[in-house]
Amino acid sequence: MSKEDSAPIEKLFGSKTRAKLLELFFSNTTKSYYVREITRVIGEQINSVRRELMNLESINIVKSETYDNKVYYSANMKSPYAHAFQEIFNPHKVAVPVNVNTVAPVKINRMFRNSNWEETIRPVTRYLSALIVTNRLPGQEGIDMLVIGDDRTKKLTRWAEVVEKRQGRPMNYVIMSRDDYLYRKSVRDKFISEVMEMELAELYDPERIIQAN
């Protein structure tokens, strides 16, 4: 938004900081930001940013979530004004709601040797909420396996080690709790986004926490 265009917007919303925040959130609806990051991006004082964030959150225009002791803010797309704000601040990229039932099913290729998929996960199904296995090529960045579930007894860790031995090669895998995954997904965590961009070889998602919109 140019300086010439921004003045009427500032007058419309009554505050330069508020207008900048709305532009930041509703032109980047898939991203979340913590306070000091916001101050750097929009070039405003932290006290002003905090005050306007509090105002916007109080009327459900933005939402906040805490992760790693930081509060992240993002556009509240459930607000009745969300579509209007997108048309004002990003008219060429208005979000279209996705119906989960219309999403094409993920194509899964078998990759485990000497056993089928059901047999591989059977020992840990009571602990496992979801599992992604990728087709990571040798030397390619990323992970081979994202394991989501209850690992307080380290059963998932031991299971992942067994899978690695069966593969006969070193594997990069990450284990996280269901709550951790859901939170990181909700704040558009970079790691989760990168995993989902990789080619999937196996997907176990009985609760549809991976495939849900």
C-alpha atoms as a PDB file:
ATOM      1  CA  MET A   1       0.000   0.000   0.000  1.00  0.00           C
ATOM      2  CA  SER A   2       1.509   3.336  -1.070  1.00  0.00           C
ATOM      3  CA  LYS A   3       1.702   6.367   1.224  1.00  0.00           C
ATOM      4  CA  GLU A   4      -0.898   8.092  -0.943  1.00  0.00           C
ATOM      5  CA  ASP A   5      -3.300   5.161  -0.566  1.00  0.00           C
ATOM      6  CA  SER A   6      -2.652   4.629   3.137  1.00  0.00           C
ATOM      7  CA  ALA A   7      -3.878   7.999   4.445  1.00  0.00           C
ATOM      8  CA  PRO A   8      -7.603   7.401   3.713  1.00  0.00           C
ATOM      9  CA  ILE A   9      -7.320   3.919   5.189  1.00  0.00           C
ATOM     10  CA  GLU A  10      -5.748   5.340   8.351  1.00  0.00           C
ATOM     11  CA  LYS A  11      -8.585   7.840   8.631  1.00  0.00           C
ATOM     12  CA  LEU A  12     -11.145   5.098   8.033  1.00  0.00           C
ATOM     13  CA  PHE A  13      -9.804   2.928  10.850  1.00  0.00           C
ATOM     14  CA  GLY A  14      -8.851   5.799  13.160  1.00  0.00           C
ATOM     15  CA  SER A  15      -5.246   4.714  13.737  1.00  0.00           C
ATOM     16  CA  LYS A  16      -2.162   4.322  11.572  1.00  0.00           C
ATOM     17  CA  THR A  17      -0.999   1.349  13.646  1.00  0.00           C
ATOM     18  CA  ARG A  18      -4.419  -0.321  13.478  1.00  0.00           C
ATOM     19  CA  ALA A  19      -4.550   0.092   9.698  1.00  0.00           C
ATOM     20  CA  LYS A  20      -1.055  -1.393   9.336  1.00  0.00           C
ATOM     21  CA  LEU A  21      -1.970  -4.349  11.545  1.00  0.00           C
ATOM     22  CA  LEU A  22      -5.108  -5.081   9.546  1.00  0.00           C
ATOM     23  CA  GLU A  23      -3.150  -4.892   6.321  1.00  0.00           C
ATOM     24  CA  LEU A  24      -0.470  -7.217   7.700  1.00  0.00           C
ATOM     25  CA  PHE A  25      -2.912  -9.854   8.927  1.00  0.00           C
ATOM     26  CA  PHE A  26      -5.463  -9.794   6.125  1.00  0.00           C
ATOM     27  CA  SER A  27      -2.947  -9.736   3.298  1.00  0.00           C
ATOM     28  CA  ASN A  28      -1.143 -12.696   4.950  1.00  0.00           C
ATOM     29  CA  THR A  29      -4.015 -14.730   6.366  1.00  0.00           C
ATOM     30  CA  THR A  30      -2.043 -17.976   6.587  1.00  0.00           C
ATOM     31  CA  LYS A  31       0.720 -16.471   8.739  1.00  0.00           C
ATOM     32  CA  SER A  32       1.052 -15.637  12.429  1.00  0.00           C
ATOM     33  CA  TYR A  33       3.395 -13.141  14.100  1.00  0.00           C
ATOM     34  CA  TYR A  34       4.684 -12.399  17.587  1.00  0.00           C
ATOM     35  CA  VAL A  35       4.707  -8.833  18.898  1.00  0.00           C
ATOM     36  CA  ARG A  36       8.335  -7.850  18.325  1.00  0.00           C
ATOM     37  CA  GLU A  37       8.209  -9.356  14.846  1.00  0.00           C
ATOM     38  CA  ILE A  38       5.125  -7.245  14.108  1.00  0.00           C
ATOM     39  CA  THR A  39       6.837  -4.053  15.286  1.00  0.00           C
ATOM     40  CA  ARG A  40       9.738  -4.708  12.911  1.00  0.00           C
ATOM     41  CA  VAL A  41       7.483  -5.497   9.953  1.00  0.00           C
ATOM     42  CA  ILE A  42       5.136  -2.499  10.258  1.00  0.00           C
ATOM     43  CA  GLY A  43       7.646  -0.058  11.775  1.00  0.00           C
ATOM     44  CA  GLU A  44       5.567   1.051  14.757  1.00  0.00           C
ATOM     45  CA  GLN A  45       6.296   1.347  18.486  1.00  0.00           C
ATOM     46  CA  ILE A  46       5.705  -1.731  20.595  1.00  0.00           C
ATOM     47  CA  ASN A  47       3.318  -0.010  23.026  1.00  0.00           C
ATOM     48  CA  SER A  48       1.127   1.145  20.166  1.00  0.00           C
ATOM     49  CA  VAL A  49       1.190  -2.329  18.622  1.00  0.00           C
ATOM     50  CA  ARG A  50       0.261  -4.012  21.901  1.00  0.00           C
ATOM     51  CA  ARG A  51      -2.610  -1.583  22.467  1.00  0.00           C
ATOM     52  CA  GLU A  52      -4.088  -2.089  19.014  1.00  0.00           C
ATOM     53  CA  LEU A  53      -3.647  -5.871  19.154  1.00  0.00           C
ATOM     54  CA  MET A  54      -5.589  -5.881  22.414  1.00  0.00           C
ATOM     55  CA  ASN A  55      -8.340  -3.807  20.804  1.00  0.00           C
ATOM     56  CA  LEU A  56      -8.555  -6.000  17.709  1.00  0.00           C
ATOM     57  CA  GLU A  57      -8.533  -9.212  19.716  1.00  0.00           C
ATOM     58  CA  SER A  58     -11.277  -7.924  22.026  1.00  0.00           C
ATOM     59  CA  ILE A  59     -13.627  -7.666  19.037  1.00  0.00           C
ATOM     60  CA  ASN A  60     -12.437 -10.963  17.489  1.00  0.00           C
ATOM     61  CA  ILE A  61     -10.776  -9.420  14.436  1.00  0.00           C
ATOM     62  CA  VAL A  62      -7.475 -11.098  15.304  1.00  0.00           C
ATOM     63  CA  LYS A  63      -6.765 -14.163  17.418  1.00  0.00           C
ATOM     64  CA  SER A  64      -3.788 -15.177  19.524  1.00  0.00           C
ATOM     65  CA  GLU A  65      -2.149 -18.436  20.554  1.00  0.00           C
ATOM     66  CA  THR A  66       0.865 -19.143  22.768  1.00  0.00           C
ATOM     67  CA  TYR A  67       3.736 -21.353  21.654  1.00  0.00           C
ATOM     68  CA  ASP A  68       7.211 -21.647  23.192  1.00  0.00           C
ATOM     69  CA  ASN A  69       6.388 -18.809  25.616  1.00  0.00           C
ATOM     70  CA  LYS A  70       5.578 -16.438  22.731  1.00  0.00           C
ATOM     71  CA  VAL A  71       2.141 -15.098  21.871  1.00  0.00           C
ATOM     72  CA  TYR A  72       1.422 -15.312  18.137  1.00  0.00           C
ATOM     73  CA  TYR A  73      -1.262 -13.207  16.448  1.00  0.00           C
ATOM     74  CA  SER A  74      -3.069 -13.904  13.189  1.00  0.00           C
ATOM     75  CA  ALA A  75      -6.194 -12.928  11.270  1.00  0.00           C
ATOM     76  CA  ASN A  76      -9.377 -14.416  12.678  1.00  0.00           C
ATOM     77  CA  MET A  77     -10.939 -15.805   9.501  1.00  0.00           C
ATOM     78  CA  LYS A  78     -14.092 -16.701  11.427  1.00  0.00           C
ATOM     79  CA  SER A  79     -14.820 -13.024  11.971  1.00  0.00           C
ATOM     80  CA  PRO A  80     -17.832 -11.810   9.968  1.00  0.00           C
ATOM     81  CA  TYR A  81     -15.632  -8.958   8.728  1.00  0.00           C
ATOM     82  CA  ALA A  82     -12.749 -11.151   7.511  1.00  0.00           C
ATOM     83  CA  HIS A  83     -13.855 -11.283   3.880  1.00  0.00           C
ATOM     84  CA  ALA A  84     -14.370  -7.515   3.768  1.00  0.00           C
ATOM     85  CA  PHE A  85     -10.919  -6.858   5.224  1.00  0.00           C
ATOM     86  CA  GLN A  86      -9.360  -9.172   2.647  1.00  0.00           C
ATOM     87  CA  GLU A  87     -11.073  -7.304  -0.162  1.00  0.00           C
ATOM     88  CA  ILE A  88      -9.766  -4.010   1.228  1.00  0.00           C
ATOM     89  CA  PHE A  89      -6.186  -5.050   1.921  1.00  0.00           C
ATOM     90  CA  ASN A  90      -5.648  -7.886  -0.566  1.00  0.00           C
ATOM     91  CA  PRO A  91      -8.392  -7.822  -3.206  1.00  0.00           C
ATOM     92  CA  HIS A  92      -6.550 -10.160  -5.583  1.00  0.00           C
ATOM     93  CA  LYS A  93      -6.161 -12.960  -3.074  1.00  0.00           C
ATOM     94  CA  VAL A  94      -9.460 -13.514  -1.293  1.00  0.00           C
ATOM     95  CA  ALA A  95      -9.482 -16.824   0.519  1.00  0.00           C
ATOM     96  CA  VAL A  96     -11.970 -19.453  -0.617  1.00  0.00           C
ATOM     97  CA  PRO A  97     -13.165 -21.895   2.078  1.00  0.00           C
ATOM     98  CA  VAL A  98     -12.127 -25.484   1.411  1.00  0.00           C
ATOM     99  CA  ASN A  99     -14.630 -28.280   1.902  1.00  0.00           C
ATOM    100  CA  VAL A 100     -12.706 -31.214   3.379  1.00  0.00           C
ATOM    101  CA  ASN A 101     -15.075 -33.637   1.671  1.00  0.00           C
ATOM    102  CA  THR A 102     -13.961 -32.360  -1.757  1.00  0.00           C
ATOM    103  CA  VAL A 103     -10.235 -32.840  -1.119  1.00  0.00           C
ATOM    104  CA  ALA A 104      -8.824 -35.617  -3.259  1.00  0.00           C
ATOM    105  CA  PRO A 105      -7.634 -38.610  -1.225  1.00  0.00           C
ATOM    106  CA  VAL A 106      -3.892 -38.857  -0.686  1.00  0.00           C
ATOM    107  CA  LYS A 107      -2.285 -41.458  -2.903  1.00  0.00           C
ATOM    108  CA  ILE A 108      -0.256 -43.829  -0.763  1.00  0.00           C
ATOM    109  CA  ASN A 109       2.559 -46.038  -1.981  1.00  0.00           C
ATOM    110  CA  ARG A 110       3.866 -48.948   0.087  1.00  0.00           C
ATOM    111  CA  MET A 111       7.439 -48.489   1.301  1.00  0.00           C
ATOM    112  CA  PHE A 112       7.855 -50.881   4.233  1.00  0.00           C
ATOM    113  CA  ARG A 113       9.578 -54.084   3.338  1.00  0.00           C
ATOM    114  CA  ASN A 114       8.678 -57.594   4.540  1.00  0.00           C
ATOM    115  CA  SER A 115       5.328 -56.486   5.985  1.00  0.00           C
ATOM    116  CA  ASN A 116       2.239 -54.591   4.942  1.00  0.00           C
ATOM    117  CA  TRP A 117       1.182 -51.232   6.299  1.00  0.00           C
ATOM    118  CA  GLU A 118      -1.339 -52.528   8.816  1.00  0.00           C
ATOM    119  CA  GLU A 119       1.167 -54.923  10.355  1.00  0.00           C
ATOM    120  CA  THR A 120       3.773 -52.195  10.674  1.00  0.00           C
ATOM    121  CA  ILE A 121       1.633 -49.837  12.733  1.00  0.00           C
ATOM    122  CA  ARG A 122      -0.346 -52.464  14.667  1.00  0.00           C
ATOM    123  CA  PRO A 123       2.011 -52.532  17.717  1.00  0.00           C
ATOM    124  CA  VAL A 124       1.526 -48.805  18.375  1.00  0.00           C
ATOM    125  CA  THR A 125      -1.979 -47.971  17.162  1.00  0.00           C
ATOM    126  CA  ARG A 126      -3.143 -47.248  20.724  1.00  0.00           C
ATOM    127  CA  TYR A 127      -0.413 -44.594  21.061  1.00  0.00           C
ATOM    128  CA  LEU A 128      -0.458 -43.304  17.489  1.00  0.00           C
ATOM    129  CA  SER A 129      -2.710 -40.399  16.448  1.00  0.00           C
ATOM    130  CA  ALA A 130      -1.261 -39.953  12.956  1.00  0.00           C
ATOM    131  CA  LEU A 131       1.785 -40.784  10.882  1.00  0.00           C
ATOM    132  CA  ILE A 132       3.327 -39.295   7.766  1.00  0.00           C
ATOM    133  CA  VAL A 133       6.085 -41.067   5.859  1.00  0.00           C
ATOM    134  CA  THR A 134       7.685 -39.147   3.006  1.00  0.00           C
ATOM    135  CA  ASN A 135       9.596 -40.176  -0.095  1.00  0.00           C
ATOM    136  CA  ARG A 136      12.702 -38.218   0.865  1.00  0.00           C
ATOM    137  CA  LEU A 137      15.454 -38.845  -1.633  1.00  0.00           C
ATOM    138  CA  PRO A 138      19.074 -39.361  -0.479  1.00  0.00           C
ATOM    139  CA  GLY A 139      20.612 -35.964   0.200  1.00  0.00           C
ATOM    140  CA  GLN A 140      17.241 -34.201   0.117  1.00  0.00           C
ATOM    141  CA  GLU A 141      16.415 -31.977   3.081  1.00  0.00           C
ATOM    142  CA  GLY A 142      13.448 -32.840   5.272  1.00  0.00           C
ATOM    143  CA  ILE A 143      12.323 -35.842   7.246  1.00  0.00           C
ATOM    144  CA  ASP A 144      11.411 -39.433   6.457  1.00  0.00           C
ATOM    145  CA  MET A 145       8.751 -39.792   9.115  1.00  0.00           C
ATOM    146  CA  LEU A 146       6.551 -37.570  11.284  1.00  0.00           C
ATOM    147  CA  VAL A 147       5.076 -39.536  14.188  1.00  0.00           C
ATOM    148  CA  ILE A 148       2.196 -37.935  16.098  1.00  0.00           C
ATOM    149  CA  GLY A 149       0.945 -39.435  19.319  1.00  0.00           C
ATOM    150  CA  ASP A 150       1.531 -40.223  22.984  1.00  0.00           C
ATOM    151  CA  ASP A 151       5.216 -40.988  23.555  1.00  0.00           C
ATOM    152  CA  ARG A 152       5.319 -40.536  27.326  1.00  0.00           C
ATOM    153  CA  THR A 153       6.290 -44.191  27.728  1.00  0.00           C
ATOM    154  CA  LYS A 154       8.732 -43.939  24.774  1.00  0.00           C
ATOM    155  CA  LYS A 155       6.890 -46.706  22.941  1.00  0.00           C
ATOM    156  CA  LEU A 156       6.714 -44.609  19.785  1.00  0.00           C
ATOM    157  CA  THR A 157      10.433 -43.857  20.015  1.00  0.00           C
ATOM    158  CA  ARG A 158      11.278 -47.538  20.279  1.00  0.00           C
ATOM    159  CA  TRP A 159       8.877 -48.355  17.447  1.00  0.00           C
ATOM    160  CA  ALA A 160      10.496 -45.722  15.206  1.00  0.00           C
ATOM    161  CA  GLU A 161      13.895 -47.257  15.922  1.00  0.00           C
ATOM    162  CA  VAL A 162      12.562 -50.676  14.848  1.00  0.00           C
ATOM    163  CA  VAL A 163      11.174 -49.174  11.618  1.00  0.00           C
ATOM    164  CA  GLU A 164      14.563 -47.582  10.932  1.00  0.00           C
ATOM    165  CA  LYS A 165      16.307 -50.944  11.337  1.00  0.00           C
ATOM    166  CA  ARG A 166      13.817 -52.590   8.989  1.00  0.00           C
ATOM    167  CA  GLN A 167      14.539 -49.953   6.388  1.00  0.00           C
ATOM    168  CA  GLY A 168      18.237 -50.737   6.627  1.00  0.00           C
ATOM    169  CA  ARG A 169      19.230 -47.081   6.375  1.00  0.00           C
ATOM    170  CA  PRO A 170      19.385 -44.033   8.660  1.00  0.00           C
ATOM    171  CA  MET A 171      16.042 -42.219   8.843  1.00  0.00           C
ATOM    172  CA  ASN A 172      15.198 -38.699   9.905  1.00  0.00           C
ATOM    173  CA  TYR A 173      12.089 -38.817  12.064  1.00  0.00           C
ATOM    174  CA  VAL A 174      10.320 -36.478  14.452  1.00  0.00           C
ATOM    175  CA  ILE A 175       7.909 -37.488  17.203  1.00  0.00           C
ATOM    176  CA  MET A 176       5.471 -34.954  18.653  1.00  0.00           C
ATOM    177  CA  SER A 177       2.311 -35.035  20.704  1.00  0.00           C
ATOM    178  CA  ARG A 178      -1.114 -34.626  19.151  1.00  0.00           C
ATOM    179  CA  ASP A 179      -1.603 -31.279  20.922  1.00  0.00           C
ATOM    180  CA  ASP A 180       1.800 -30.024  19.774  1.00  0.00           C
ATOM    181  CA  TYR A 181       1.032 -30.969  16.172  1.00  0.00           C
ATOM    182  CA  LEU A 182      -2.410 -29.346  16.204  1.00  0.00           C
ATOM    183  CA  TYR A 183      -1.031 -26.151  17.679  1.00  0.00           C
ATOM    184  CA  ARG A 184       1.859 -25.933  15.253  1.00  0.00           C
ATOM    185  CA  LYS A 185      -0.532 -26.579  12.387  1.00  0.00           C
ATOM    186  CA  SER A 186      -2.855 -23.823  13.632  1.00  0.00           C
ATOM    187  CA  VAL A 187      -0.045 -21.231  13.690  1.00  0.00           C
ATOM    188  CA  ARG A 188       1.180 -22.286  10.248  1.00  0.00           C
ATOM    189  CA  ASP A 189       4.441 -23.629  11.631  1.00  0.00           C
ATOM    190  CA  LYS A 190       7.154 -23.662   8.960  1.00  0.00           C
ATOM    191  CA  PHE A 191       8.299 -27.202   9.756  1.00  0.00           C
ATOM    192  CA  ILE A 192       4.776 -28.639   9.401  1.00  0.00           C
ATOM    193  CA  SER A 193       4.254 -26.747   6.142  1.00  0.00           C
ATOM    194  CA  GLU A 194       7.505 -28.098   4.708  1.00  0.00           C
ATOM    195  CA  VAL A 195       6.596 -31.668   5.622  1.00  0.00           C
ATOM    196  CA  MET A 196       3.214 -31.347   3.909  1.00  0.00           C
ATOM    197  CA  GLU A 197       4.903 -30.083   0.751  1.00  0.00           C
ATOM    198  CA  MET A 198       6.975 -33.265   0.475  1.00  0.00           C
ATOM    199  CA  GLU A 199       5.822 -36.314  -1.496  1.00  0.00           C
ATOM    200  CA  LEU A 200       3.957 -38.660   0.847  1.00  0.00           C
ATOM    201  CA  ALA A 201       4.646 -42.377   0.776  1.00  0.00           C
ATOM    202  CA  GLU A 202       2.455 -43.426   3.697  1.00  0.00           C
ATOM    203  CA  LEU A 203      -0.326 -41.684   5.595  1.00  0.00           C
ATOM    204  CA  TYR A 204      -2.110 -42.927   8.715  1.00  0.00           C
ATOM    205  CA  ASP A 205      -4.737 -40.431   9.805  1.00  0.00           C
ATOM    206  CA  PRO A 206      -7.764 -42.067  11.475  1.00  0.00           C
ATOM    207  CA  GLU A 207      -8.782 -38.844  13.249  1.00  0.00           C
ATOM    208  CA  ARG A 208      -8.262 -36.717  10.093  1.00  0.00           C
ATOM    209  CA  ILE A 209      -5.995 -34.303  11.952  1.00  0.00           C
ATOM    210  CA  ILE A 210      -3.655 -34.238   8.943  1.00  0.00           C
ATOM    211  CA  GLN A 211      -6.275 -33.982   6.208  1.00  0.00           C
ATOM    212  CA  ALA A 212      -8.688 -31.664   7.989  1.00  0.00           C
ATOM    213  CA  ASN A 213      -8.853 -28.083   6.748  1.00  0.00           C
END
